[in-house]
C-alpha atoms as a PDB file:
ATOM      1  CA  UNK A   1     -25.521-188.682  62.034  1.00  0.00           C
ATOM      2  CA  UNK A   2     -28.351-189.608  59.760  1.00  0.00           C
ATOM      3  CA  UNK A   3     -31.221-190.183  62.151  1.00  0.00           C
ATOM      4  CA  UNK A   4     -34.342-192.027  60.991  1.00  0.00           C
ATOM      5  CA  UNK A   5     -37.370-192.724  63.147  1.00  0.00           C
ATOM      6  CA  UNK A   6     -37.991-196.391  63.842  1.00  0.00           C
ATOM      7  CA  UNK A   7     -34.386-197.329  63.136  1.00  0.00           C
ATOM      8  CA  UNK A   8     -31.424-197.366  65.512  1.00  0.00           C
ATOM      9  CA  UNK A   9     -28.368-195.499  64.330  1.00  0.00           C
ATOM     10  CA  UNK A  10     -25.274-197.644  64.896  1.00  0.00           C
ATOM     11  CA  UNK A  11     -21.988-195.939  65.656  1.00  0.00           C
ATOM     12  CA  UNK A  12     -18.949-196.571  67.830  1.00  0.00           C
ATOM     13  CA  UNK A  13     -20.615-194.973  70.873  1.00  0.00           C
ATOM     14  CA  UNK A  14     -23.582-197.346  70.630  1.00  0.00           C
ATOM     15  CA  UNK A  15     -21.327-200.346  70.034  1.00  0.00           C
ATOM     16  CA  UNK A  16     -18.704-199.771  72.729  1.00  0.00           C
ATOM     17  CA  UNK A  17     -20.174-197.433  75.379  1.00  0.00           C
ATOM     18  CA  UNK A  18     -23.920-198.098  75.388  1.00  0.00           C
ATOM     19  CA  UNK A  19     -23.398-201.622  76.819  1.00  0.00           C
ATOM     20  CA  UNK A  20     -21.501-199.998  79.748  1.00  0.00           C
ATOM     21  CA  UNK A  21     -24.407-197.656  80.400  1.00  0.00           C
ATOM     22  CA  UNK A  22     -26.991-200.436  80.285  1.00  0.00           C
ATOM     23  CA  UNK A  23     -25.022-202.845  82.474  1.00  0.00           C
ATOM     24  CA  UNK A  24     -23.336-200.358  84.774  1.00  0.00           C
ATOM     25  CA  UNK A  25     -26.227-198.739  86.596  1.00  0.00           C
ATOM     26  CA  UNK A  26     -28.581-200.657  88.880  1.00  0.00           C
ATOM     27  CA  UNK A  27     -30.762-203.449  87.502  1.00  0.00           C
ATOM     28  CA  UNK A  28     -33.927-201.301  87.477  1.00  0.00           C
ATOM     29  CA  UNK A  29     -32.193-198.935  85.025  1.00  0.00           C
ATOM     30  CA  UNK A  30     -31.154-201.853  82.805  1.00  0.00           C
ATOM     31  CA  UNK A  31     -34.691-203.191  82.818  1.00  0.00           C
ATOM     32  CA  UNK A  32     -36.288-199.816  82.033  1.00  0.00           C
ATOM     33  CA  UNK A  33     -33.880-198.782  79.278  1.00  0.00           C
ATOM     34  CA  UNK A  34     -34.369-202.067  77.432  1.00  0.00           C
ATOM     35  CA  UNK A  35     -38.098-201.247  77.154  1.00  0.00           C
ATOM     36  CA  UNK A  36     -37.604-197.997  75.239  1.00  0.00           C
ATOM     37  CA  UNK A  37     -36.523-197.315  71.676  1.00  0.00           C
ATOM     38  CA  UNK A  38     -33.149-195.607  71.375  1.00  0.00           C
ATOM     39  CA  UNK A  39     -32.810-193.939  67.977  1.00  0.00           C
ATOM     40  CA  UNK A  40     -29.208-192.924  68.459  1.00  0.00           C
ATOM     41  CA  UNK A  41     -26.398-192.675  70.934  1.00  0.00           C
ATOM     42  CA  UNK A  42     -23.611-190.100  70.989  1.00  0.00           C
ATOM     43  CA  UNK A  43     -20.891-188.292  72.872  1.00  0.00           C
ATOM     44  CA  UNK A  44     -22.461-184.855  72.589  1.00  0.00           C
ATOM     45  CA  UNK A  45     -24.747-182.464  70.749  1.00  0.00           C
ATOM     46  CA  UNK A  46     -22.953-179.796  68.727  1.00  0.00           C
ATOM     47  CA  UNK A  47     -25.991-177.498  68.829  1.00  0.00           C
ATOM     48  CA  UNK A  48     -25.264-177.092  72.552  1.00  0.00           C
ATOM     49  CA  UNK A  49     -21.491-176.931  72.299  1.00  0.00           C
ATOM     50  CA  UNK A  50     -21.148-173.482  73.891  1.00  0.00           C
ATOM     51  CA  UNK A  51     -24.089-173.734  76.274  1.00  0.00           C
ATOM     52  CA  UNK A  52     -22.770-173.560  79.872  1.00  0.00           C
ATOM     53  CA  UNK A  53     -25.678-175.738  81.065  1.00  0.00           C
ATOM     54  CA  UNK A  54     -24.208-178.602  79.046  1.00  0.00           C
ATOM     55  CA  UNK A  55     -20.673-178.534  80.378  1.00  0.00           C
ATOM     56  CA  UNK A  56     -20.404-181.545  82.642  1.00  0.00           C
ATOM     57  CA  UNK A  57     -17.256-181.315  84.733  1.00  0.00           C
ATOM     58  CA  UNK A  58     -16.093-184.616  86.209  1.00  0.00           C
ATOM     59  CA  UNK A  59     -18.849-186.431  84.308  1.00  0.00           C
ATOM     60  CA  UNK A  60     -18.812-188.724  81.318  1.00  0.00           C
ATOM     61  CA  UNK A  61     -22.042-187.907  79.466  1.00  0.00           C
ATOM     62  CA  UNK A  62     -23.706-190.254  77.013  1.00  0.00           C
ATOM     63  CA  UNK A  63     -26.449-188.703  74.881  1.00  0.00           C
ATOM     64  CA  UNK A  64     -29.386-190.978  74.080  1.00  0.00           C
ATOM     65  CA  UNK A  65     -31.979-189.941  71.507  1.00  0.00           C
ATOM     66  CA  UNK A  66     -35.273-191.621  72.331  1.00  0.00           C
ATOM     67  CA  UNK A  67     -38.324-192.140  70.136  1.00  0.00           C
ATOM     68  CA  UNK A  68     -41.269-191.061  72.299  1.00  0.00           C
ATOM     69  CA  UNK A  69     -43.835-192.527  69.891  1.00  0.00           C
ATOM     70  CA  UNK A  70     -42.558-196.106  70.270  1.00  0.00           C
ATOM     71  CA  UNK A  71     -43.808-197.395  73.602  1.00  0.00           C
ATOM     72  CA  UNK A  72     -45.003-193.889  74.424  1.00  0.00           C
ATOM     73  CA  UNK A  73     -46.114-194.570  78.004  1.00  0.00           C
ATOM     74  CA  UNK A  74     -42.965-196.501  78.937  1.00  0.00           C
ATOM     75  CA  UNK A  75     -40.747-193.831  77.391  1.00  0.00           C
ATOM     76  CA  UNK A  76     -42.509-191.033  79.273  1.00  0.00           C
ATOM     77  CA  UNK A  77     -42.314-193.016  82.515  1.00  0.00           C
ATOM     78  CA  UNK A  78     -38.622-193.670  81.908  1.00  0.00           C
ATOM     79  CA  UNK A  79     -37.844-189.968  81.357  1.00  0.00           C
ATOM     80  CA  UNK A  80     -39.811-188.989  84.471  1.00  0.00           C
ATOM     81  CA  UNK A  81     -38.130-191.710  86.577  1.00  0.00           C
ATOM     82  CA  UNK A  82     -34.678-190.883  85.186  1.00  0.00           C
ATOM     83  CA  UNK A  83     -34.859-187.265  86.382  1.00  0.00           C
ATOM     84  CA  UNK A  84     -34.684-188.505  89.974  1.00  0.00           C
ATOM     85  CA  UNK A  85     -31.587-190.663  89.493  1.00  0.00           C
ATOM     86  CA  UNK A  86     -28.114-189.485  90.530  1.00  0.00           C
ATOM     87  CA  UNK A  87     -26.680-190.204  87.068  1.00  0.00           C
ATOM     88  CA  UNK A  88     -29.268-188.085  85.233  1.00  0.00           C
ATOM     89  CA  UNK A  89     -27.663-184.974  83.708  1.00  0.00           C
ATOM     90  CA  UNK A  90     -30.152-183.327  81.289  1.00  0.00           C
ATOM     91  CA  UNK A  91     -33.118-183.918  78.983  1.00  0.00           C
ATOM     92  CA  UNK A  92     -34.634-181.859  76.181  1.00  0.00           C
ATOM     93  CA  UNK A  93     -36.854-182.216  73.082  1.00  0.00           C
ATOM     94  CA  UNK A  94     -35.050-182.646  69.756  1.00  0.00           C
ATOM     95  CA  UNK A  95     -37.860-181.846  67.338  1.00  0.00           C
ATOM     96  CA  UNK A  96     -40.981-179.710  67.143  1.00  0.00           C
ATOM     97  CA  UNK A  97     -43.463-182.596  67.081  1.00  0.00           C
ATOM     98  CA  UNK A  98     -42.276-184.084  70.376  1.00  0.00           C
ATOM     99  CA  UNK A  99     -41.211-187.405  68.947  1.00  0.00           C
ATOM    100  CA  UNK A 100     -37.425-187.263  69.391  1.00  0.00           C
ATOM    101  CA  UNK A 101     -36.262-186.615  72.937  1.00  0.00           C
ATOM    102  CA  UNK A 102     -32.692-186.444  74.215  1.00  0.00           C
ATOM    103  CA  UNK A 103     -31.584-187.657  77.631  1.00  0.00           C
ATOM    104  CA  UNK A 104     -28.046-187.171  78.889  1.00  0.00           C
ATOM    105  CA  UNK A 105     -26.819-189.768  81.348  1.00  0.00           C
ATOM    106  CA  UNK A 106     -23.533-190.039  83.194  1.00  0.00           C
ATOM    107  CA  UNK A 107     -21.658-193.227  82.430  1.00  0.00           C
ATOM    108  CA  UNK A 108     -21.205-195.425  85.531  1.00  0.00           C
ATOM    109  CA  UNK A 109     -18.013-194.445  87.332  1.00  0.00           C
ATOM    110  CA  UNK A 110     -16.549-197.933  86.948  1.00  0.00           C
ATOM    111  CA  UNK A 111     -16.445-197.285  83.189  1.00  0.00           C
ATOM    112  CA  UNK A 112     -14.823-193.825  83.246  1.00  0.00           C
ATOM    113  CA  UNK A 113     -11.466-195.319  82.245  1.00  0.00           C
ATOM    114  CA  UNK A 114     -13.224-197.188  79.416  1.00  0.00           C
ATOM    115  CA  UNK A 115     -14.579-193.854  78.158  1.00  0.00           C
ATOM    116  CA  UNK A 116     -11.093-192.323  78.291  1.00  0.00           C
ATOM    117  CA  UNK A 117      -9.572-195.247  76.382  1.00  0.00           C
ATOM    118  CA  UNK A 118     -12.417-195.059  73.845  1.00  0.00           C
ATOM    119  CA  UNK A 119     -11.640-191.346  73.367  1.00  0.00           C
ATOM    120  CA  UNK A 120      -7.996-192.231  72.729  1.00  0.00           C
ATOM    121  CA  UNK A 121      -8.918-194.985  70.249  1.00  0.00           C
ATOM    122  CA  UNK A 122      -7.343-197.627  72.492  1.00  0.00           C
ATOM    123  CA  UNK A 123     -10.116-200.193  72.233  1.00  0.00           C
ATOM    124  CA  UNK A 124      -8.055-203.127  73.484  1.00  0.00           C
ATOM    125  CA  UNK A 125      -7.410-201.213  76.735  1.00  0.00           C
ATOM    126  CA  UNK A 126     -11.036-200.265  77.414  1.00  0.00           C
ATOM    127  CA  UNK A 127     -12.059-203.277  79.497  1.00  0.00           C
ATOM    128  CA  UNK A 128     -10.796-206.190  81.502  1.00  0.00           C
ATOM    129  CA  UNK A 129     -11.297-209.636  79.966  1.00  0.00           C
ATOM    130  CA  UNK A 130     -14.101-210.273  82.472  1.00  0.00           C
ATOM    131  CA  UNK A 131     -15.883-207.054  81.458  1.00  0.00           C
ATOM    132  CA  UNK A 132     -15.542-207.909  77.763  1.00  0.00           C
ATOM    133  CA  UNK A 133     -17.056-211.341  78.346  1.00  0.00           C
ATOM    134  CA  UNK A 134     -19.915-209.814  80.339  1.00  0.00           C
ATOM    135  CA  UNK A 135     -20.724-206.955  77.956  1.00  0.00           C
ATOM    136  CA  UNK A 136     -20.140-208.376  74.481  1.00  0.00           C
ATOM    137  CA  UNK A 137     -21.106-211.465  72.513  1.00  0.00           C
ATOM    138  CA  UNK A 138     -18.110-213.632  71.642  1.00  0.00           C
ATOM    139  CA  UNK A 139     -19.245-213.690  67.981  1.00  0.00           C
ATOM    140  CA  UNK A 140     -19.488-209.896  67.662  1.00  0.00           C
ATOM    141  CA  UNK A 141     -16.996-207.719  65.829  1.00  0.00           C
ATOM    142  CA  UNK A 142     -16.732-205.560  68.949  1.00  0.00           C
ATOM    143  CA  UNK A 143     -15.580-208.552  70.998  1.00  0.00           C
ATOM    144  CA  UNK A 144     -12.924-209.324  68.390  1.00  0.00           C
ATOM    145  CA  UNK A 145     -11.750-205.696  68.279  1.00  0.00           C
ATOM    146  CA  UNK A 146     -11.527-205.481  72.065  1.00  0.00           C
ATOM    147  CA  UNK A 147      -9.660-208.808  72.280  1.00  0.00           C
ATOM    148  CA  UNK A 148      -7.390-207.910  69.317  1.00  0.00           C
ATOM    149  CA  UNK A 149      -8.504-211.070  67.556  1.00  0.00           C
ATOM    150  CA  UNK A 150      -6.240-211.301  64.523  1.00  0.00           C
ATOM    151  CA  UNK A 151      -8.876-213.115  62.457  1.00  0.00           C
ATOM    152  CA  UNK A 152     -10.327-209.690  61.568  1.00  0.00           C
ATOM    153  CA  UNK A 153      -6.973-208.264  60.394  1.00  0.00           C
ATOM    154  CA  UNK A 154      -7.726-208.791  56.664  1.00  0.00           C
ATOM    155  CA  UNK A 155     -11.075-206.947  56.988  1.00  0.00           C
ATOM    156  CA  UNK A 156      -9.432-204.087  58.877  1.00  0.00           C
ATOM    157  CA  UNK A 157      -6.610-203.881  56.312  1.00  0.00           C
ATOM    158  CA  UNK A 158      -9.234-203.626  53.546  1.00  0.00           C
ATOM    159  CA  UNK A 159     -11.037-200.883  55.463  1.00  0.00           C
ATOM    160  CA  UNK A 160      -7.771-198.908  55.707  1.00  0.00           C
ATOM    161  CA  UNK A 161      -7.018-199.443  52.009  1.00  0.00           C
ATOM    162  CA  UNK A 162     -10.444-198.106  51.037  1.00  0.00           C
ATOM    163  CA  UNK A 163     -10.475-195.208  53.498  1.00  0.00           C
ATOM    164  CA  UNK A 164      -6.990-193.927  52.795  1.00  0.00           C
ATOM    165  CA  UNK A 165      -6.874-194.995  49.105  1.00  0.00           C
ATOM    166  CA  UNK A 166      -3.795-197.122  49.635  1.00  0.00           C
ATOM    167  CA  UNK A 167      -2.462-199.279  46.819  1.00  0.00           C
ATOM    168  CA  UNK A 168      -1.810-202.217  49.085  1.00  0.00           C
ATOM    169  CA  UNK A 169      -1.461-203.042  52.744  1.00  0.00           C
ATOM    170  CA  UNK A 170      -0.221-206.288  54.148  1.00  0.00           C
ATOM    171  CA  UNK A 171      -2.135-207.307  57.301  1.00  0.00           C
ATOM    172  CA  UNK A 172       1.200-208.139  58.961  1.00  0.00           C
ATOM    173  CA  UNK A 173       2.087-204.420  58.809  1.00  0.00           C
ATOM    174  CA  UNK A 174      -0.735-203.606  61.210  1.00  0.00           C
ATOM    175  CA  UNK A 175      -0.344-206.677  63.414  1.00  0.00           C
ATOM    176  CA  UNK A 176       0.137-204.643  66.624  1.00  0.00           C
ATOM    177  CA  UNK A 177      -2.378-201.879  65.903  1.00  0.00           C
ATOM    178  CA  UNK A 178      -5.876-201.456  67.246  1.00  0.00           C
ATOM    179  CA  UNK A 179      -8.434-203.131  64.979  1.00  0.00           C
ATOM    180  CA  UNK A 180     -10.908-200.254  64.859  1.00  0.00           C
ATOM    181  CA  UNK A 181     -10.412-196.676  63.732  1.00  0.00           C
ATOM    182  CA  UNK A 182     -10.654-194.026  66.442  1.00  0.00           C
ATOM    183  CA  UNK A 183     -13.962-192.177  66.523  1.00  0.00           C
ATOM    184  CA  UNK A 184     -12.121-188.903  65.901  1.00  0.00           C
ATOM    185  CA  UNK A 185     -11.884-189.867  62.215  1.00  0.00           C
ATOM    186  CA  UNK A 186     -15.680-190.002  62.032  1.00  0.00           C
ATOM    187  CA  UNK A 187     -16.811-187.420  64.574  1.00  0.00           C
ATOM    188  CA  UNK A 188     -19.925-186.669  62.509  1.00  0.00           C
ATOM    189  CA  UNK A 189     -21.105-190.176  63.441  1.00  0.00           C
ATOM    190  CA  UNK A 190     -20.572-189.719  67.188  1.00  0.00           C
ATOM    191  CA  UNK A 191     -21.995-186.218  67.801  1.00  0.00           C
ATOM    192  CA  UNK A 192     -25.553-185.097  67.206  1.00  0.00           C
ATOM    193  CA  UNK A 193     -25.941-182.039  64.953  1.00  0.00           C
ATOM    194  CA  UNK A 194     -22.293-182.203  63.870  1.00  0.00           C
ATOM    195  CA  UNK A 195     -23.201-180.694  60.505  1.00  0.00           C
ATOM    196  CA  UNK A 196     -24.016-177.357  62.211  1.00  0.00           C
ATOM    197  CA  UNK A 197     -21.306-174.695  62.015  1.00  0.00           C
ATOM    198  CA  UNK A 198     -19.023-174.826  65.040  1.00  0.00           C
END
């Protein structure tokens, strides 16, 4: 992940799982989290990979990197308030100046299956049609991926051609496939500090 202050890092976790986190907990959480600046969103932090304090059994952690300097008071209030919520898992500073701060939050239980399907790269099985309509804009690429909208087949075919250096690929050959690559092909985009030796 290439993190830059003042700019949100977009990855598959932020596109497909962050909406579940925002919508899935009570309305006060949704209201508070929309008032803070999220720099990045991920499935884990490789710098803590072997730390027993960061093994969350029966939990589905989402790591949110917050910018404490944007809306400083609201961000500090949010972190303090979050510590008393049942879905709070951990929090820790991410830099020496105190600007970047990580919070780890359990995904709402109603989206555990969505997390599992995301992990398997089965985007079209992540949500019910009602959930898709509630969480995603009908014009968004994510909506089209989740609904297996074939209008994005040519773009996806081109992405595969470029990624795998294929000579040619007919969109009809991938008609039944998922329309997004699994995150496991780009794990460095989904985990903080992935570049560290592990």
